[in-house]
């Protein structure tokens, strides 16, 4: 399964009960380092960093809101295409958390050059938050809210702030500029995953 945001959401709370081992075994954890998409096109979704203006990310993110809403309205939104691949609903929950986290990290980078990011285990988050049990309509509304907030934040970036840095727990370093590109790849890639 392809998931590309190795980042940490701020507002995900653990579920009251732990998922059983069969549920845990369904999805192979994604431990790939996706920062290569900042230097070369992604063959799976068509993202090309050379053609991607970071200043357009807010507009692109807003354009993704109706696309995700349409995906989450599908009858089969809760259904996994294969046991080892997330359903559209699970991907939708993931991109909500990605928007929340990227907003938190962007605020940190704008406030402090060289901000450090704590680790996020996206697979554990999906299990703890029980993505597959969420309501698709509520997820679409949460994505619209989170995307709107983050789009406004990206729109506010000007001048030297684009060069402010952030460092992930594994040592990967971003500027606000490359952070915007990396983020948009994640949203675009998951839209391709769900054929949205």
Protein backbone atom coordinates (compact mmCIF):
# COMPACT_ATOMS: atom_id res chain seq x y z
CA UNK A 1 0.00 0.00 0.00
CA UNK A 2 1.25 3.46 -0.84
CA UNK A 3 1.01 6.22 1.74
CA UNK A 4 3.43 9.09 1.61
CA UNK A 5 3.12 11.32 4.67
CA UNK A 6 5.48 10.24 7.41
CA UNK A 7 4.34 12.98 9.75
CA UNK A 8 2.45 13.36 13.03
CA UNK A 9 -1.11 14.67 13.58
CA UNK A 10 -1.79 16.76 16.65
CA UNK A 11 -5.38 15.90 17.51
CA UNK A 12 -5.67 12.13 17.15
CA UNK A 13 -6.65 10.45 20.41
CA UNK A 14 -6.19 6.72 21.03
CA UNK A 15 -9.26 4.53 20.82
CA UNK A 16 -10.60 2.97 24.03
CA UNK A 17 -9.78 -0.54 22.86
CA UNK A 18 -6.84 -1.94 20.97
CA UNK A 19 -7.55 -3.41 17.49
CA UNK A 20 -7.11 -7.16 17.28
CA UNK A 21 -4.09 -8.72 15.59
CA UNK A 22 -5.99 -9.69 12.43
CA UNK A 23 -6.93 -6.06 11.86
CA UNK A 24 -3.34 -4.99 12.60
CA UNK A 25 -1.96 -7.58 10.14
CA UNK A 26 -4.10 -6.38 7.23
CA UNK A 27 -1.95 -3.39 6.30
CA UNK A 28 1.78 -3.53 5.86
CA UNK A 29 3.34 -0.46 7.56
CA UNK A 30 4.68 2.15 5.15
CA UNK A 31 8.24 2.93 6.22
CA UNK A 32 9.48 4.31 2.89
CA UNK A 33 11.20 7.69 2.72
CA UNK A 34 9.17 9.70 0.22
CA UNK A 35 11.43 12.77 0.14
CA UNK A 36 12.69 11.64 -3.28
CA UNK A 37 9.55 13.25 -4.76
CA UNK A 38 11.24 16.61 -4.17
CA UNK A 39 13.86 15.84 -6.82
CA UNK A 40 12.06 13.71 -9.41
CA UNK A 41 8.54 13.11 -10.74
CA UNK A 42 6.33 10.51 -9.07
CA UNK A 43 5.38 7.92 -11.70
CA UNK A 44 2.34 6.76 -9.71
CA UNK A 45 0.50 10.09 -9.49
CA UNK A 46 2.23 12.42 -11.97
CA UNK A 47 3.52 14.92 -9.40
CA UNK A 48 6.50 16.83 -10.79
CA UNK A 49 8.43 19.05 -8.34
CA UNK A 50 9.94 21.04 -11.20
CA UNK A 51 6.46 22.07 -12.33
CA UNK A 52 5.07 22.66 -8.84
CA UNK A 53 5.00 26.23 -7.53
CA UNK A 54 4.80 26.20 -3.72
CA UNK A 55 2.83 29.46 -3.89
CA UNK A 56 -0.01 27.57 -5.60
CA UNK A 57 -0.44 24.93 -2.88
CA UNK A 58 -3.25 26.82 -1.10
CA UNK A 59 -5.25 27.04 -4.31
CA UNK A 60 -4.54 23.41 -5.18
CA UNK A 61 -5.60 22.27 -1.73
CA UNK A 62 -8.91 24.12 -1.98
CA UNK A 63 -9.50 22.46 -5.35
CA UNK A 64 -9.05 19.07 -3.68
CA UNK A 65 -11.95 19.62 -1.25
CA UNK A 66 -14.81 18.83 -3.69
CA UNK A 67 -12.81 15.93 -5.13
CA UNK A 68 -12.43 14.31 -1.70
CA UNK A 69 -16.09 15.03 -0.94
CA UNK A 70 -17.10 13.17 -4.12
CA UNK A 71 -14.84 10.22 -3.21
CA UNK A 72 -16.31 10.01 0.28
CA UNK A 73 -19.89 10.09 -1.07
CA UNK A 74 -19.35 6.90 -3.05
CA UNK A 75 -21.34 3.85 -1.99
CA UNK A 76 -18.14 1.85 -1.67
CA UNK A 77 -16.25 4.51 0.34
CA UNK A 78 -15.95 2.16 3.32
CA UNK A 79 -14.84 -0.85 1.26
CA UNK A 80 -11.20 -1.80 0.84
CA UNK A 81 -10.38 -2.77 -2.75
CA UNK A 82 -8.08 -5.45 -1.30
CA UNK A 83 -7.51 -6.44 2.34
CA UNK A 84 -4.06 -4.86 2.34
CA UNK A 85 -5.15 -1.52 0.79
CA UNK A 86 -6.94 1.26 2.65
CA UNK A 87 -10.52 2.11 1.72
CA UNK A 88 -11.31 5.60 0.36
CA UNK A 89 -12.64 6.44 3.84
CA UNK A 90 -9.38 5.39 5.50
CA UNK A 91 -7.40 7.47 3.00
CA UNK A 92 -9.79 10.36 3.67
CA UNK A 93 -9.19 10.16 7.42
CA UNK A 94 -5.46 10.03 6.77
CA UNK A 95 -5.44 13.20 4.65
CA UNK A 96 -7.45 15.02 7.34
CA UNK A 97 -4.73 14.15 9.86
CA UNK A 98 -2.04 15.12 7.36
CA UNK A 99 -3.61 18.58 6.92
CA UNK A 100 -3.87 19.08 10.69
CA UNK A 101 -0.27 18.05 11.22
CA UNK A 102 1.16 20.04 8.32
CA UNK A 103 -0.61 23.13 9.62
CA UNK A 104 0.98 22.58 13.04
CA UNK A 105 4.40 22.07 11.49
CA UNK A 106 4.06 25.00 9.10
CA UNK A 107 3.18 27.29 12.02
CA UNK A 108 6.29 26.03 13.83
CA UNK A 109 8.51 26.65 10.79
CA UNK A 110 7.15 30.16 10.26
CA UNK A 111 7.70 31.00 13.93
CA UNK A 112 11.19 29.47 14.19
CA UNK A 113 13.72 28.75 11.48
CA UNK A 114 15.01 25.22 12.12
CA UNK A 115 11.91 23.91 13.91
CA UNK A 116 12.17 20.25 14.88
CA UNK A 117 9.32 17.80 14.23
CA UNK A 118 8.50 14.83 16.43
CA UNK A 119 7.90 11.46 14.81
CA UNK A 120 4.45 10.27 13.73
CA UNK A 121 3.47 6.66 13.14
CA UNK A 122 0.67 6.99 10.60
CA UNK A 123 -0.19 3.30 10.73
CA UNK A 124 -0.63 3.29 14.50
CA UNK A 125 -2.74 6.44 14.17
CA UNK A 126 -5.02 4.75 11.64
CA UNK A 127 -5.56 1.85 14.03
CA UNK A 128 -6.00 3.97 17.16
CA UNK A 129 -8.44 6.36 15.47
CA UNK A 130 -10.28 3.46 13.78
CA UNK A 131 -10.30 5.17 10.40
CA UNK A 132 -12.49 2.48 8.84
CA UNK A 133 -15.26 3.10 11.38
CA UNK A 134 -15.53 6.86 10.83
CA UNK A 135 -18.45 8.56 9.08
CA UNK A 136 -17.63 9.46 5.45
CA UNK A 137 -19.70 12.69 5.45
CA UNK A 138 -18.16 13.87 8.71
CA UNK A 139 -14.71 13.02 7.32
CA UNK A 140 -15.40 15.12 4.21
CA UNK A 141 -16.45 18.05 6.43
CA UNK A 142 -13.34 17.64 8.59
CA UNK A 143 -11.16 17.62 5.48
CA UNK A 144 -12.81 20.80 4.19
CA UNK A 145 -12.13 22.56 7.50
CA UNK A 146 -8.56 21.33 7.87
CA UNK A 147 -7.74 22.01 4.20
CA UNK A 148 -9.18 25.53 4.39
CA UNK A 149 -7.10 26.38 7.44
CA UNK A 150 -3.89 25.02 5.92
CA UNK A 151 -4.56 26.63 2.52
CA UNK A 152 -4.91 30.02 4.24
CA UNK A 153 -1.67 29.40 6.12
CA UNK A 154 0.24 28.56 2.93
CA UNK A 155 -1.25 31.65 1.26
CA UNK A 156 0.15 33.81 4.07
CA UNK A 157 3.78 32.83 3.39
CA UNK A 158 5.87 35.59 1.86
CA UNK A 159 9.47 36.51 1.13
CA UNK A 160 12.19 34.95 3.26
CA UNK A 161 9.68 32.81 5.16
CA UNK A 162 9.74 30.40 2.21
CA UNK A 163 13.35 29.63 3.20
CA UNK A 164 12.63 28.84 6.86
CA UNK A 165 13.63 25.28 7.69
CA UNK A 166 12.11 22.35 9.54
CA UNK A 167 13.78 19.07 10.47
CA UNK A 168 12.01 15.73 10.76
CA UNK A 169 12.98 13.23 13.48
CA UNK A 170 14.81 11.07 10.90
CA UNK A 171 17.01 14.03 9.90
CA UNK A 172 15.17 14.97 6.68
CA UNK A 173 15.29 18.75 6.28
CA UNK A 174 12.71 20.89 4.51
CA UNK A 175 12.32 24.54 3.72
CA UNK A 176 8.80 25.93 3.76
CA UNK A 177 9.06 25.81 -0.04
CA UNK A 178 9.91 22.09 -0.22
CA UNK A 179 7.53 21.36 2.66
CA UNK A 180 4.68 22.79 0.55
CA UNK A 181 5.68 20.63 -2.41
CA UNK A 182 6.04 17.51 -0.27
CA UNK A 183 2.62 18.14 1.25
CA UNK A 184 0.88 18.63 -2.09
CA UNK A 185 2.40 15.43 -3.43
CA UNK A 186 0.79 13.58 -0.51
CA UNK A 187 -2.69 14.93 -1.30
CA UNK A 188 -2.30 14.42 -5.06
CA UNK A 189 -0.93 10.91 -4.60
CA UNK A 190 -3.81 9.83 -2.36
CA UNK A 191 -6.35 11.27 -4.78
CA UNK A 192 -4.74 9.00 -7.38
CA UNK A 193 -4.93 6.09 -4.90
CA UNK A 194 -8.72 6.54 -4.64
CA UNK A 195 -9.21 7.52 -8.30
CA UNK A 196 -10.48 10.91 -7.25
